[in-house]
All heavy atoms as atom14 arrays in JSON, in Angstrom:
{
  "sequence": "ISHRDNAIFQHAFPCREEHFSNGLIREVEVYNAVNNLVDCKDVNITI",
  "atom14_mask": [
    [1, 1, 1, 1, 1, 1, 1, 1, 0, 0, 0, 0, 0, 0],
    [1, 1, 1, 1, 1, 1, 0, 0, 0, 0, 0, 0, 0, 0],
    [1, 1, 1, 1, 1, 1, 1, 1, 1, 1, 0, 0, 0, 0],
    [1, 1, 1, 1, 1, 1, 1, 1, 1, 1, 1, 0, 0, 0],
    [1, 1, 1, 1, 1, 1, 1, 1, 0, 0, 0, 0, 0, 0],
    [1, 1, 1, 1, 1, 1, 1, 1, 0, 0, 0, 0, 0, 0],
    [1, 1, 1, 1, 1, 0, 0, 0, 0, 0, 0, 0, 0, 0],
    [1, 1, 1, 1, 1, 1, 1, 1, 0, 0, 0, 0, 0, 0],
    [1, 1, 1, 1, 1, 1, 1, 1, 1, 1, 1, 0, 0, 0],
    [1, 1, 1, 1, 1, 1, 1, 1, 1, 0, 0, 0, 0, 0],
    [1, 1, 1, 1, 1, 1, 1, 1, 1, 1, 0, 0, 0, 0],
    [1, 1, 1, 1, 1, 0, 0, 0, 0, 0, 0, 0, 0, 0],
    [1, 1, 1, 1, 1, 1, 1, 1, 1, 1, 1, 0, 0, 0],
    [1, 1, 1, 1, 1, 1, 1, 0, 0, 0, 0, 0, 0, 0],
    [1, 1, 1, 1, 1, 1, 0, 0, 0, 0, 0, 0, 0, 0],
    [1, 1, 1, 1, 1, 1, 1, 1, 1, 1, 1, 0, 0, 0],
    [1, 1, 1, 1, 1, 1, 1, 1, 1, 0, 0, 0, 0, 0],
    [1, 1, 1, 1, 1, 1, 1, 1, 1, 0, 0, 0, 0, 0],
    [1, 1, 1, 1, 1, 1, 1, 1, 1, 1, 0, 0, 0, 0],
    [1, 1, 1, 1, 1, 1, 1, 1, 1, 1, 1, 0, 0, 0],
    [1, 1, 1, 1, 1, 1, 0, 0, 0, 0, 0, 0, 0, 0],
    [1, 1, 1, 1, 1, 1, 1, 1, 0, 0, 0, 0, 0, 0],
    [1, 1, 1, 1, 0, 0, 0, 0, 0, 0, 0, 0, 0, 0],
    [1, 1, 1, 1, 1, 1, 1, 1, 0, 0, 0, 0, 0, 0],
    [1, 1, 1, 1, 1, 1, 1, 1, 0, 0, 0, 0, 0, 0],
    [1, 1, 1, 1, 1, 1, 1, 1, 1, 1, 1, 0, 0, 0],
    [1, 1, 1, 1, 1, 1, 1, 1, 1, 0, 0, 0, 0, 0],
    [1, 1, 1, 1, 1, 1, 1, 0, 0, 0, 0, 0, 0, 0],
    [1, 1, 1, 1, 1, 1, 1, 1, 1, 0, 0, 0, 0, 0],
    [1, 1, 1, 1, 1, 1, 1, 0, 0, 0, 0, 0, 0, 0],
    [1, 1, 1, 1, 1, 1, 1, 1, 1, 1, 1, 1, 0, 0],
    [1, 1, 1, 1, 1, 1, 1, 1, 0, 0, 0, 0, 0, 0],
    [1, 1, 1, 1, 1, 0, 0, 0, 0, 0, 0, 0, 0, 0],
    [1, 1, 1, 1, 1, 1, 1, 0, 0, 0, 0, 0, 0, 0],
    [1, 1, 1, 1, 1, 1, 1, 1, 0, 0, 0, 0, 0, 0],
    [1, 1, 1, 1, 1, 1, 1, 1, 0, 0, 0, 0, 0, 0],
    [1, 1, 1, 1, 1, 1, 1, 1, 0, 0, 0, 0, 0, 0],
    [1, 1, 1, 1, 1, 1, 1, 0, 0, 0, 0, 0, 0, 0],
    [1, 1, 1, 1, 1, 1, 1, 1, 0, 0, 0, 0, 0, 0],
    [1, 1, 1, 1, 1, 1, 0, 0, 0, 0, 0, 0, 0, 0],
    [1, 1, 1, 1, 1, 1, 1, 1, 1, 0, 0, 0, 0, 0],
    [1, 1, 1, 1, 1, 1, 1, 1, 0, 0, 0, 0, 0, 0],
    [1, 1, 1, 1, 1, 1, 1, 0, 0, 0, 0, 0, 0, 0],
    [1, 1, 1, 1, 1, 1, 1, 1, 0, 0, 0, 0, 0, 0],
    [1, 1, 1, 1, 1, 1, 1, 1, 0, 0, 0, 0, 0, 0],
    [1, 1, 1, 1, 1, 1, 1, 0, 0, 0, 0, 0, 0, 0],
    [1, 1, 1, 1, 1, 1, 1, 1, 0, 0, 0, 0, 0, 0]
  ],
  "atom14_positions": [
    [[-15.47, 19.51, 14.07], [-14.39, 19.37, 13.06], [-13.29, 20.32, 13.77], [-13.43, 21.44, 14.03], [-14.72, 20.03, 11.81], [-15.85, 19.23, 11.08], [-13.48, 20.06, 10.86], [-16.36, 19.82, 9.86], [0.0, 0.0, 0.0], [0.0, 0.0, 0.0], [0.0, 0.0, 0.0], [0.0, 0.0, 0.0], [0.0, 0.0, 0.0], [0.0, 0.0, 0.0]],
    [[-12.07, 19.67, 13.93], [-10.97, 20.36, 14.42], [-9.94, 20.43, 13.24], [-9.75, 19.52, 12.42], [-10.27, 19.71, 15.63], [-9.85, 18.29, 15.27], [0.0, 0.0, 0.0], [0.0, 0.0, 0.0], [0.0, 0.0, 0.0], [0.0, 0.0, 0.0], [0.0, 0.0, 0.0], [0.0, 0.0, 0.0], [0.0, 0.0, 0.0], [0.0, 0.0, 0.0]],
    [[-9.24, 21.56, 13.11], [-8.2, 21.71, 11.99], [-7.16, 22.67, 12.43], [-7.38, 23.59, 13.17], [-8.94, 22.09, 10.75], [-9.61, 23.4, 10.74], [-8.87, 24.49, 10.43], [-10.86, 23.93, 11.01], [-9.71, 25.6, 10.47], [-10.89, 25.28, 10.86], [0.0, 0.0, 0.0], [0.0, 0.0, 0.0], [0.0, 0.0, 0.0], [0.0, 0.0, 0.0]],
    [[-6.12, 22.62, 11.63], [-4.84, 23.4, 11.73], [-5.16, 24.83, 11.24], [-6.12, 24.94, 10.44], [-3.68, 22.83, 11.23], [-3.19, 21.53, 11.73], [-2.05, 21.04, 10.95], [-0.83, 21.89, 11.14], [0.44, 21.41, 11.39], [0.59, 20.13, 11.44], [1.38, 22.29, 11.56], [0.0, 0.0, 0.0], [0.0, 0.0, 0.0], [0.0, 0.0, 0.0]],
    [[-4.46, 25.8, 11.61], [-4.53, 27.08, 10.81], [-4.08, 26.85, 9.38], [-3.21, 25.98, 9.09], [-3.62, 28.11, 11.49], [-3.96, 28.59, 12.81], [-5.25, 28.5, 13.11], [-3.16, 29.04, 13.54], [0.0, 0.0, 0.0], [0.0, 0.0, 0.0], [0.0, 0.0, 0.0], [0.0, 0.0, 0.0], [0.0, 0.0, 0.0], [0.0, 0.0, 0.0]],
    [[-4.76, 27.42, 8.46], [-4.48, 27.3, 7.09], [-4.5, 25.89, 6.59], [-3.65, 25.41, 5.96], [-3.21, 27.91, 6.66], [-3.07, 29.48, 7.05], [-4.06, 30.16, 6.74], [-2.1, 29.81, 7.8], [0.0, 0.0, 0.0], [0.0, 0.0, 0.0], [0.0, 0.0, 0.0], [0.0, 0.0, 0.0], [0.0, 0.0, 0.0], [0.0, 0.0, 0.0]],
    [[-5.55, 25.15, 6.99], [-5.71, 23.66, 6.81], [-5.82, 23.29, 5.29], [-6.29, 24.11, 4.52], [-6.85, 23.13, 7.43], [0.0, 0.0, 0.0], [0.0, 0.0, 0.0], [0.0, 0.0, 0.0], [0.0, 0.0, 0.0], [0.0, 0.0, 0.0], [0.0, 0.0, 0.0], [0.0, 0.0, 0.0], [0.0, 0.0, 0.0], [0.0, 0.0, 0.0]],
    [[-5.19, 22.17, 4.95], [-5.14, 21.8, 3.54], [-6.05, 20.5, 3.5], [-5.85, 19.52, 4.36], [-3.74, 21.43, 3.1], [-2.95, 22.67, 3.08], [-3.81, 20.94, 1.58], [-1.51, 22.45, 2.89], [0.0, 0.0, 0.0], [0.0, 0.0, 0.0], [0.0, 0.0, 0.0], [0.0, 0.0, 0.0], [0.0, 0.0, 0.0], [0.0, 0.0, 0.0]],
    [[-6.98, 20.43, 2.58], [-7.87, 19.29, 2.4], [-7.12, 18.21, 1.63], [-6.65, 18.51, 0.59], [-9.17, 19.64, 1.74], [-10.12, 18.44, 1.71], [-10.94, 18.12, 2.7], [-10.21, 17.76, 0.45], [-11.9, 17.04, 2.54], [-11.16, 16.75, 0.27], [-11.94, 16.38, 1.31], [0.0, 0.0, 0.0], [0.0, 0.0, 0.0], [0.0, 0.0, 0.0]],
    [[-7.14, 16.96, 2.13], [-6.44, 15.78, 1.45], [-7.46, 15.02, 0.63], [-8.54, 14.64, 1.08], [-5.71, 14.98, 2.47], [-4.96, 13.7, 1.88], [-4.41, 12.85, 2.9], [-4.49, 13.15, 4.1], [-3.87, 11.83, 2.45], [0.0, 0.0, 0.0], [0.0, 0.0, 0.0], [0.0, 0.0, 0.0], [0.0, 0.0, 0.0], [0.0, 0.0, 0.0]],
    [[-7.06, 14.7, -0.66], [-7.96, 14.03, -1.61], [-7.15, 12.98, -2.38], [-5.98, 13.21, -2.56], [-8.59, 15.02, -2.6], [-9.34, 14.33, -3.62], [-10.57, 13.6, -3.38], [-9.22, 14.31, -4.98], [-10.97, 13.16, -4.51], [-10.19, 13.55, -5.51], [0.0, 0.0, 0.0], [0.0, 0.0, 0.0], [0.0, 0.0, 0.0], [0.0, 0.0, 0.0]],
    [[-7.76, 11.89, -2.61], [-7.24, 10.83, -3.43], [-8.07, 10.48, -4.53], [-9.22, 10.04, -4.3], [-6.92, 9.63, -2.65], [0.0, 0.0, 0.0], [0.0, 0.0, 0.0], [0.0, 0.0, 0.0], [0.0, 0.0, 0.0], [0.0, 0.0, 0.0], [0.0, 0.0, 0.0], [0.0, 0.0, 0.0], [0.0, 0.0, 0.0], [0.0, 0.0, 0.0]],
    [[-7.78, 10.77, -5.84], [-8.58, 10.49, -6.9], [-8.83, 8.93, -6.88], [-7.84, 8.16, -6.91], [-8.07, 10.91, -8.17], [-8.83, 10.65, -9.42], [-10.0, 11.54, -9.69], [-8.64, 9.63, -10.2], [-10.75, 11.28, -10.83], [-9.5, 9.31, -11.3], [-10.55, 10.27, -11.63], [0.0, 0.0, 0.0], [0.0, 0.0, 0.0], [0.0, 0.0, 0.0]],
    [[-10.07, 8.52, -7.05], [-10.31, 7.06, -6.97], [-9.6, 6.33, -8.08], [-9.79, 6.68, -9.21], [-11.84, 6.98, -7.13], [-12.35, 8.41, -6.91], [-11.29, 9.32, -7.33], [0.0, 0.0, 0.0], [0.0, 0.0, 0.0], [0.0, 0.0, 0.0], [0.0, 0.0, 0.0], [0.0, 0.0, 0.0], [0.0, 0.0, 0.0], [0.0, 0.0, 0.0]],
    [[-9.03, 5.17, -7.74], [-8.79, 4.67, -6.43], [-7.41, 4.24, -6.24], [-7.0, 3.06, -5.98], [-9.68, 3.45, -6.02], [-11.29, 3.8, -5.39], [0.0, 0.0, 0.0], [0.0, 0.0, 0.0], [0.0, 0.0, 0.0], [0.0, 0.0, 0.0], [0.0, 0.0, 0.0], [0.0, 0.0, 0.0], [0.0, 0.0, 0.0], [0.0, 0.0, 0.0]],
    [[-6.53, 5.17, -6.43], [-5.19, 4.8, -6.65], [-4.33, 4.86, -5.27], [-3.64, 3.88, -5.01], [-4.45, 5.85, -7.59], [-2.98, 5.7, -7.85], [-2.64, 4.34, -8.43], [-1.2, 4.28, -8.75], [-0.69, 4.79, -9.85], [-1.39, 5.33, -10.76], [0.55, 4.62, -10.03], [0.0, 0.0, 0.0], [0.0, 0.0, 0.0], [0.0, 0.0, 0.0]],
    [[-4.32, 5.89, -4.56], [-3.41, 6.13, -3.51], [-3.51, 5.08, -2.4], [-2.68, 4.54, -1.89], [-3.42, 7.51, -2.92], [-3.12, 8.63, -4.03], [-3.21, 9.94, -3.4], [-2.77, 10.25, -2.35], [-3.81, 10.87, -4.18], [0.0, 0.0, 0.0], [0.0, 0.0, 0.0], [0.0, 0.0, 0.0], [0.0, 0.0, 0.0], [0.0, 0.0, 0.0]],
    [[-4.75, 4.93, -1.96], [-5.08, 3.98, -0.91], [-4.66, 2.58, -1.34], [-3.97, 1.81, -0.58], [-6.48, 4.01, -0.31], [-6.78, 2.91, 0.63], [-8.16, 2.25, 0.53], [-8.96, 2.97, -0.26], [-8.4, 1.24, 1.04], [0.0, 0.0, 0.0], [0.0, 0.0, 0.0], [0.0, 0.0, 0.0], [0.0, 0.0, 0.0], [0.0, 0.0, 0.0]],
    [[-5.09, 2.22, -2.58], [-4.8, 0.85, -3.0], [-3.28, 0.64, -3.21], [-2.83, -0.48, -3.04], [-5.61, 0.59, -4.27], [-7.08, 0.47, -3.99], [-7.55, -0.5, -3.3], [-8.12, 1.34, -4.28], [-8.93, -0.32, -3.14], [-9.19, 0.79, -3.84], [0.0, 0.0, 0.0], [0.0, 0.0, 0.0], [0.0, 0.0, 0.0], [0.0, 0.0, 0.0]],
    [[-2.63, 1.72, -3.62], [-1.11, 1.57, -3.83], [-0.51, 1.2, -2.52], [0.4, 0.33, -2.51], [-0.51, 2.74, -4.5], [0.97, 2.66, -4.63], [1.52, 1.84, -5.53], [1.85, 3.4, -3.76], [2.92, 1.64, -5.69], [3.22, 3.3, -3.91], [3.8, 2.35, -4.88], [0.0, 0.0, 0.0], [0.0, 0.0, 0.0], [0.0, 0.0, 0.0]],
    [[-0.75, 2.0, -1.47], [-0.21, 1.68, -0.18], [-0.64, 0.19, 0.28], [0.17, -0.44, 1.02], [-0.57, 2.77, 0.83], [-2.0, 2.79, 0.99], [0.0, 0.0, 0.0], [0.0, 0.0, 0.0], [0.0, 0.0, 0.0], [0.0, 0.0, 0.0], [0.0, 0.0, 0.0], [0.0, 0.0, 0.0], [0.0, 0.0, 0.0], [0.0, 0.0, 0.0]],
    [[-1.89, -0.07, 0.03], [-2.38, -1.44, 0.37], [-1.56, -2.41, -0.43], [-1.13, -3.56, 0.19], [-3.79, -1.62, -0.06], [-4.47, -2.87, 0.44], [-4.38, -3.89, -0.3], [-5.03, -2.9, 1.56], [0.0, 0.0, 0.0], [0.0, 0.0, 0.0], [0.0, 0.0, 0.0], [0.0, 0.0, 0.0], [0.0, 0.0, 0.0], [0.0, 0.0, 0.0]],
    [[-1.18, -2.22, -1.57], [-0.31, -3.09, -2.34], [0.99, -3.36, -1.87], [1.55, -4.43, -1.85], [0.0, 0.0, 0.0], [0.0, 0.0, 0.0], [0.0, 0.0, 0.0], [0.0, 0.0, 0.0], [0.0, 0.0, 0.0], [0.0, 0.0, 0.0], [0.0, 0.0, 0.0], [0.0, 0.0, 0.0], [0.0, 0.0, 0.0], [0.0, 0.0, 0.0]],
    [[1.53, -2.27, -1.21], [2.85, -2.35, -0.61], [2.83, -3.4, 0.59], [3.74, -4.1, 0.76], [3.29, -1.0, -0.02], [3.67, 0.13, -1.1], [4.08, 1.42, -0.47], [4.81, -0.34, -2.01], [0.0, 0.0, 0.0], [0.0, 0.0, 0.0], [0.0, 0.0, 0.0], [0.0, 0.0, 0.0], [0.0, 0.0, 0.0], [0.0, 0.0, 0.0]],
    [[1.85, -3.37, 1.4], [1.61, -4.31, 2.44], [1.34, -5.74, 1.85], [1.79, -6.72, 2.4], [0.48, -3.87, 3.4], [0.88, -2.58, 4.08], [0.16, -4.91, 4.42], [2.21, -2.78, 4.91], [0.0, 0.0, 0.0], [0.0, 0.0, 0.0], [0.0, 0.0, 0.0], [0.0, 0.0, 0.0], [0.0, 0.0, 0.0], [0.0, 0.0, 0.0]],
    [[0.58, -5.81, 0.8], [0.26, -7.14, 0.18], [1.59, -7.68, -0.38], [1.66, -8.96, -0.31], [-0.79, -6.91, -0.86], [-2.09, -6.72, -0.43], [-3.19, -6.34, -1.41], [-4.43, -5.88, -0.85], [-5.46, -6.69, -0.57], [-5.38, -7.93, -0.81], [-6.55, -6.16, -0.04], [0.0, 0.0, 0.0], [0.0, 0.0, 0.0], [0.0, 0.0, 0.0]],
    [[2.56, -6.86, -0.77], [3.75, -7.42, -1.19], [4.41, -8.14, -0.05], [5.09, -9.22, -0.17], [4.67, -6.33, -1.77], [4.18, -5.84, -3.15], [4.9, -4.62, -3.63], [5.8, -4.07, -2.84], [4.67, -4.19, -4.75], [0.0, 0.0, 0.0], [0.0, 0.0, 0.0], [0.0, 0.0, 0.0], [0.0, 0.0, 0.0], [0.0, 0.0, 0.0]],
    [[4.38, -7.67, 1.16], [4.92, -8.36, 2.36], [4.15, -9.64, 2.58], [4.87, -10.64, 2.93], [4.74, -7.36, 3.61], [5.16, -8.12, 4.84], [5.58, -6.09, 3.47], [0.0, 0.0, 0.0], [0.0, 0.0, 0.0], [0.0, 0.0, 0.0], [0.0, 0.0, 0.0], [0.0, 0.0, 0.0], [0.0, 0.0, 0.0], [0.0, 0.0, 0.0]],
    [[2.84, -9.62, 2.49], [2.07, -10.78, 2.74], [2.38, -11.85, 1.74], [2.4, -13.02, 2.04], [0.56, -10.45, 2.8], [0.25, -9.47, 3.98], [-1.22, -9.05, 3.98], [-1.91, -9.17, 2.95], [-1.67, -8.48, 5.01], [0.0, 0.0, 0.0], [0.0, 0.0, 0.0], [0.0, 0.0, 0.0], [0.0, 0.0, 0.0], [0.0, 0.0, 0.0]],
    [[2.48, -11.46, 0.43], [2.78, -12.49, -0.54], [4.18, -13.01, -0.39], [4.43, -14.26, -0.4], [2.54, -11.92, -1.96], [3.08, -12.88, -3.09], [1.16, -11.61, -2.26], [0.0, 0.0, 0.0], [0.0, 0.0, 0.0], [0.0, 0.0, 0.0], [0.0, 0.0, 0.0], [0.0, 0.0, 0.0], [0.0, 0.0, 0.0], [0.0, 0.0, 0.0]],
    [[5.05, -12.09, -0.06], [6.51, -12.47, 0.23], [6.53, -13.55, 1.28], [7.22, -14.65, 1.12], [7.37, -11.3, 0.52], [8.75, -11.61, 0.85], [9.72, -11.62, -0.13], [9.17, -11.95, 2.16], [11.08, -11.97, 0.23], [10.4, -12.28, 2.5], [11.36, -12.28, 1.5], [12.75, -12.6, 1.74], [0.0, 0.0, 0.0], [0.0, 0.0, 0.0]],
    [[5.86, -13.3, 2.36], [5.78, -14.16, 3.46], [5.26, -15.58, 3.12], [5.84, -16.65, 3.43], [4.99, -13.63, 4.66], [5.88, -12.75, 5.63], [7.04, -13.06, 5.75], [5.26, -11.7, 6.13], [0.0, 0.0, 0.0], [0.0, 0.0, 0.0], [0.0, 0.0, 0.0], [0.0, 0.0, 0.0], [0.0, 0.0, 0.0], [0.0, 0.0, 0.0]],
    [[4.12, -15.56, 2.46], [3.48, -16.7, 2.11], [4.34, -17.67, 1.07], [4.37, -18.9, 1.25], [2.13, -16.57, 1.45], [0.0, 0.0, 0.0], [0.0, 0.0, 0.0], [0.0, 0.0, 0.0], [0.0, 0.0, 0.0], [0.0, 0.0, 0.0], [0.0, 0.0, 0.0], [0.0, 0.0, 0.0], [0.0, 0.0, 0.0], [0.0, 0.0, 0.0]],
    [[4.89, -16.94, 0.14], [5.79, -17.71, -0.81], [7.08, -18.08, -0.15], [7.51, -19.36, -0.44], [6.0, -16.69, -2.05], [7.03, -17.56, -3.0], [4.67, -16.53, -2.89], [0.0, 0.0, 0.0], [0.0, 0.0, 0.0], [0.0, 0.0, 0.0], [0.0, 0.0, 0.0], [0.0, 0.0, 0.0], [0.0, 0.0, 0.0], [0.0, 0.0, 0.0]],
    [[7.59, -17.37, 0.59], [8.99, -17.64, 1.21], [8.91, -18.75, 2.22], [9.86, -19.38, 2.57], [9.58, -16.41, 1.89], [11.04, -16.4, 2.06], [11.68, -16.73, 1.11], [11.52, -16.22, 3.29], [0.0, 0.0, 0.0], [0.0, 0.0, 0.0], [0.0, 0.0, 0.0], [0.0, 0.0, 0.0], [0.0, 0.0, 0.0], [0.0, 0.0, 0.0]],
    [[7.64, -18.99, 2.63], [7.47, -20.22, 3.53], [7.61, -21.52, 2.8], [7.81, -22.48, 3.37], [6.01, -20.24, 4.25], [6.07, -19.21, 5.4], [7.04, -18.98, 6.02], [4.85, -18.7, 5.72], [0.0, 0.0, 0.0], [0.0, 0.0, 0.0], [0.0, 0.0, 0.0], [0.0, 0.0, 0.0], [0.0, 0.0, 0.0], [0.0, 0.0, 0.0]],
    [[7.56, -21.39, 1.48], [7.62, -22.68, 0.61], [8.87, -22.7, -0.18], [9.34, -23.73, -0.41], [6.29, -22.64, -0.35], [4.99, -22.63, 0.39], [3.79, -22.47, -0.73], [4.68, -23.93, 1.22], [0.0, 0.0, 0.0], [0.0, 0.0, 0.0], [0.0, 0.0, 0.0], [0.0, 0.0, 0.0], [0.0, 0.0, 0.0], [0.0, 0.0, 0.0]],
    [[9.29, -21.57, -0.76], [10.44, -21.54, -1.58], [11.38, -20.3, -1.26], [10.75, -19.52, -0.47], [10.02, -21.61, -3.15], [9.24, -22.73, -3.46], [9.2, -20.25, -3.5], [0.0, 0.0, 0.0], [0.0, 0.0, 0.0], [0.0, 0.0, 0.0], [0.0, 0.0, 0.0], [0.0, 0.0, 0.0], [0.0, 0.0, 0.0], [0.0, 0.0, 0.0]],
    [[12.42, -20.14, -1.96], [13.23, -18.96, -1.52], [12.69, -17.84, -2.52], [13.08, -17.7, -3.7], [14.66, -19.33, -2.02], [15.66, -18.16, -1.69], [15.14, -17.22, -1.09], [16.77, -18.28, -2.14], [0.0, 0.0, 0.0], [0.0, 0.0, 0.0], [0.0, 0.0, 0.0], [0.0, 0.0, 0.0], [0.0, 0.0, 0.0], [0.0, 0.0, 0.0]],
    [[11.97, -16.88, -1.85], [11.35, -15.75, -2.59], [12.33, -14.66, -2.55], [12.96, -14.37, -1.53], [10.08, -15.35, -1.79], [9.18, -13.96, -2.71], [0.0, 0.0, 0.0], [0.0, 0.0, 0.0], [0.0, 0.0, 0.0], [0.0, 0.0, 0.0], [0.0, 0.0, 0.0], [0.0, 0.0, 0.0], [0.0, 0.0, 0.0], [0.0, 0.0, 0.0]],
    [[12.46, -13.99, -3.69], [13.38, -12.82, -3.88], [12.75, -11.43, -3.9], [13.28, -10.6, -3.27], [14.17, -12.97, -5.08], [14.98, -14.33, -5.27], [15.76, -14.71, -4.03], [16.98, -13.85, -3.92], [17.85, -14.43, -2.75], [0.0, 0.0, 0.0], [0.0, 0.0, 0.0], [0.0, 0.0, 0.0], [0.0, 0.0, 0.0], [0.0, 0.0, 0.0]],
    [[11.62, -11.37, -4.55], [10.94, -10.11, -4.5], [9.43, -10.32, -5.08], [9.09, -11.35, -5.6], [11.59, -9.09, -5.41], [11.34, -7.55, -4.97], [10.5, -7.44, -4.09], [12.13, -6.73, -5.54], [0.0, 0.0, 0.0], [0.0, 0.0, 0.0], [0.0, 0.0, 0.0], [0.0, 0.0, 0.0], [0.0, 0.0, 0.0], [0.0, 0.0, 0.0]],
    [[8.59, -9.3, -4.82], [7.14, -9.37, -5.12], [6.71, -7.99, -5.74], [7.11, -6.91, -5.13], [6.33, -9.8, -3.97], [4.81, -9.73, -4.45], [6.65, -11.06, -3.36], [0.0, 0.0, 0.0], [0.0, 0.0, 0.0], [0.0, 0.0, 0.0], [0.0, 0.0, 0.0], [0.0, 0.0, 0.0], [0.0, 0.0, 0.0], [0.0, 0.0, 0.0]],
    [[6.04, -7.95, -6.75], [5.39, -6.72, -7.28], [3.9, -7.05, -7.36], [3.51, -7.83, -8.12], [5.99, -6.32, -8.61], [5.29, -5.14, -9.15], [4.72, -4.35, -8.58], [5.57, -4.95, -10.45], [0.0, 0.0, 0.0], [0.0, 0.0, 0.0], [0.0, 0.0, 0.0], [0.0, 0.0, 0.0], [0.0, 0.0, 0.0], [0.0, 0.0, 0.0]],
    [[3.16, -6.25, -6.58], [1.73, -6.28, -6.79], [1.39, -5.06, -7.65], [1.54, -3.84, -7.22], [0.99, -5.98, -5.37], [1.37, -7.13, -4.34], [-0.51, -6.05, -5.53], [1.0, -8.59, -4.78], [0.0, 0.0, 0.0], [0.0, 0.0, 0.0], [0.0, 0.0, 0.0], [0.0, 0.0, 0.0], [0.0, 0.0, 0.0], [0.0, 0.0, 0.0]],
    [[1.0, -5.36, -8.86], [1.07, -4.37, -9.95], [-0.01, -3.28, -9.83], [-1.06, -3.47, -9.4], [0.94, -5.08, -11.28], [-0.36, -5.51, -11.53], [1.88, -6.19, -11.46], [0.0, 0.0, 0.0], [0.0, 0.0, 0.0], [0.0, 0.0, 0.0], [0.0, 0.0, 0.0], [0.0, 0.0, 0.0], [0.0, 0.0, 0.0], [0.0, 0.0, 0.0]],
    [[0.33, -2.11, -10.32], [-0.62, -0.99, -10.41], [-1.66, -1.32, -11.4], [-2.9, -1.02, -11.14], [0.11, 0.31, -10.73], [0.99, 0.76, -9.55], [-0.96, 1.45, -11.09], [1.95, 1.9, -9.92], [0.0, 0.0, 0.0], [0.0, 0.0, 0.0], [0.0, 0.0, 0.0], [0.0, 0.0, 0.0], [0.0, 0.0, 0.0], [0.0, 0.0, 0.0]]
  ]
}
């Protein structure tokens, strides 16, 4: 285990933070898939 001086432990209460960032990328993927077919303006992968 390597760590910085005065290290801070990072925690994400299940299962919000990772999935939220995953949703941001899924918005890109949905946008691409839809925009290939019609004129897509925006996407919200909901919390």
